[in-house]
Amino acid sequence: MEIKTRVPGVVSEILVKEGDHVDAKAVLAKIEAMKMFQSILTPVSGTVSEIMIEEDARVKAGAVLMIIDED
């Protein structure tokens, strides 16, 4: 499953790494947008297979941040 951001902003923190197992509703990363932080959650449980962002990177709305292989 592709995890996307809804808003443009700057990746302030990545809280997982490739290979990590995550539960549904886990916080994967935080994006700073308009001086506010938005948590990026996963709607499914699974394994983080690919992270496509880096901290301090600017992302556009709808950008794919990471891929979760569902359990």
C-alpha atoms as a PDB file:
ATOM      1  CA  MET A   1       0.000   0.000   0.000  1.00  0.00           C
ATOM      2  CA  GLU A   2       1.283   3.442  -0.904  1.00  0.00           C
ATOM      3  CA  ILE A   3       1.366   5.906   1.987  1.00  0.00           C
ATOM      4  CA  LYS A   4       0.851   9.447   0.694  1.00  0.00           C
ATOM      5  CA  THR A   5       0.754  12.923   2.171  1.00  0.00           C
ATOM      6  CA  ARG A   6      -2.342  15.064   1.807  1.00  0.00           C
ATOM      7  CA  VAL A   7      -0.553  18.381   2.209  1.00  0.00           C
ATOM      8  CA  PRO A   8       2.670  19.864   0.849  1.00  0.00           C
ATOM      9  CA  GLY A   9       5.391  20.474   3.401  1.00  0.00           C
ATOM     10  CA  VAL A  10       8.777  19.455   4.746  1.00  0.00           C
ATOM     11  CA  VAL A  11       9.506  16.015   6.196  1.00  0.00           C
ATOM     12  CA  SER A  12      10.506  16.799   9.767  1.00  0.00           C
ATOM     13  CA  GLU A  13      10.909  13.271  11.101  1.00  0.00           C
ATOM     14  CA  ILE A  14      10.813   9.673   9.866  1.00  0.00           C
ATOM     15  CA  LEU A  15       9.909   7.305  12.690  1.00  0.00           C
ATOM     16  CA  VAL A  16      10.352   3.935  10.923  1.00  0.00           C
ATOM     17  CA  LYS A  17      12.963   2.240   8.770  1.00  0.00           C
ATOM     18  CA  GLU A  18      12.735  -0.294   5.965  1.00  0.00           C
ATOM     19  CA  GLY A  19      11.967  -3.754   7.322  1.00  0.00           C
ATOM     20  CA  ASP A  20      10.075  -2.488  10.383  1.00  0.00           C
ATOM     21  CA  HIS A  21       6.712  -4.093  11.167  1.00  0.00           C
ATOM     22  CA  VAL A  22       3.984  -1.532  11.882  1.00  0.00           C
ATOM     23  CA  ASP A  23       0.463  -1.845  13.245  1.00  0.00           C
ATOM     24  CA  ALA A  24      -2.528  -0.038  11.770  1.00  0.00           C
ATOM     25  CA  LYS A  25      -2.706   3.626  12.850  1.00  0.00           C
ATOM     26  CA  ALA A  26       1.018   3.739  13.702  1.00  0.00           C
ATOM     27  CA  VAL A  27       2.752   7.084  13.109  1.00  0.00           C
ATOM     28  CA  LEU A  28       5.287   6.665  10.293  1.00  0.00           C
ATOM     29  CA  ALA A  29       6.540  10.205   9.813  1.00  0.00           C
ATOM     30  CA  LYS A  30       5.800  13.856  10.549  1.00  0.00           C
ATOM     31  CA  ILE A  31       5.391  16.617   7.982  1.00  0.00           C
ATOM     32  CA  GLU A  32       5.660  20.314   8.809  1.00  0.00           C
ATOM     33  CA  ALA A  33       3.115  22.336   6.862  1.00  0.00           C
ATOM     34  CA  MET A  34       2.253  25.958   7.599  1.00  0.00           C
ATOM     35  CA  LYS A  35       4.168  25.846  10.911  1.00  0.00           C
ATOM     36  CA  MET A  36       2.100  22.886  12.104  1.00  0.00           C
ATOM     37  CA  PHE A  37       3.121  19.237  12.290  1.00  0.00           C
ATOM     38  CA  GLN A  38       0.979  16.556  10.685  1.00  0.00           C
ATOM     39  CA  SER A  39       1.478  12.914  11.632  1.00  0.00           C
ATOM     40  CA  ILE A  40       1.459  10.443   8.745  1.00  0.00           C
ATOM     41  CA  LEU A  41      -0.351   7.277   9.844  1.00  0.00           C
ATOM     42  CA  THR A  42      -0.685   3.877   8.216  1.00  0.00           C
ATOM     43  CA  PRO A  43      -4.227   2.554   7.760  1.00  0.00           C
ATOM     44  CA  VAL A  44      -2.955  -1.051   7.592  1.00  0.00           C
ATOM     45  CA  SER A  45      -0.560  -3.283   9.484  1.00  0.00           C
ATOM     46  CA  GLY A  46       2.421  -4.698   7.639  1.00  0.00           C
ATOM     47  CA  THR A  47       6.102  -4.280   6.867  1.00  0.00           C
ATOM     48  CA  VAL A  48       7.739  -1.090   5.627  1.00  0.00           C
ATOM     49  CA  SER A  49       9.203  -2.230   2.302  1.00  0.00           C
ATOM     50  CA  GLU A  50      10.371   1.087   0.858  1.00  0.00           C
ATOM     51  CA  ILE A  51      10.898   4.631   2.146  1.00  0.00           C
ATOM     52  CA  MET A  52      10.925   7.195  -0.652  1.00  0.00           C
ATOM     53  CA  ILE A  53      11.641  10.336   1.384  1.00  0.00           C
ATOM     54  CA  GLU A  54      14.383  11.798   3.536  1.00  0.00           C
ATOM     55  CA  GLU A  55      14.200  14.101   6.516  1.00  0.00           C
ATOM     56  CA  ASP A  56      14.197  17.811   5.577  1.00  0.00           C
ATOM     57  CA  ALA A  57      12.944  16.979   2.055  1.00  0.00           C
ATOM     58  CA  ARG A  58      10.138  19.093   0.607  1.00  0.00           C
ATOM     59  CA  VAL A  59       7.148  17.047  -0.582  1.00  0.00           C
ATOM     60  CA  LYS A  60       4.105  17.912  -2.674  1.00  0.00           C
ATOM     61  CA  ALA A  61       0.526  17.028  -1.780  1.00  0.00           C
ATOM     62  CA  GLY A  62      -0.210  13.470  -2.874  1.00  0.00           C
ATOM     63  CA  ALA A  63       3.450  12.436  -2.898  1.00  0.00           C
ATOM     64  CA  VAL A  64       4.144   8.777  -2.113  1.00  0.00           C
ATOM     65  CA  LEU A  65       6.191   8.678   1.083  1.00  0.00           C
ATOM     66  CA  MET A  66       6.602   4.951   1.614  1.00  0.00           C
ATOM     67  CA  ILE A  67       5.268   1.504   0.730  1.00  0.00           C
ATOM     68  CA  ILE A  68       3.772  -0.896   3.293  1.00  0.00           C
ATOM     69  CA  ASP A  69       3.438  -4.599   2.422  1.00  0.00           C
ATOM     70  CA  GLU A  70       0.227  -5.625   4.181  1.00  0.00           C
ATOM     71  CA  ASP A  71       0.123  -8.642   6.511  1.00  0.00           C
END
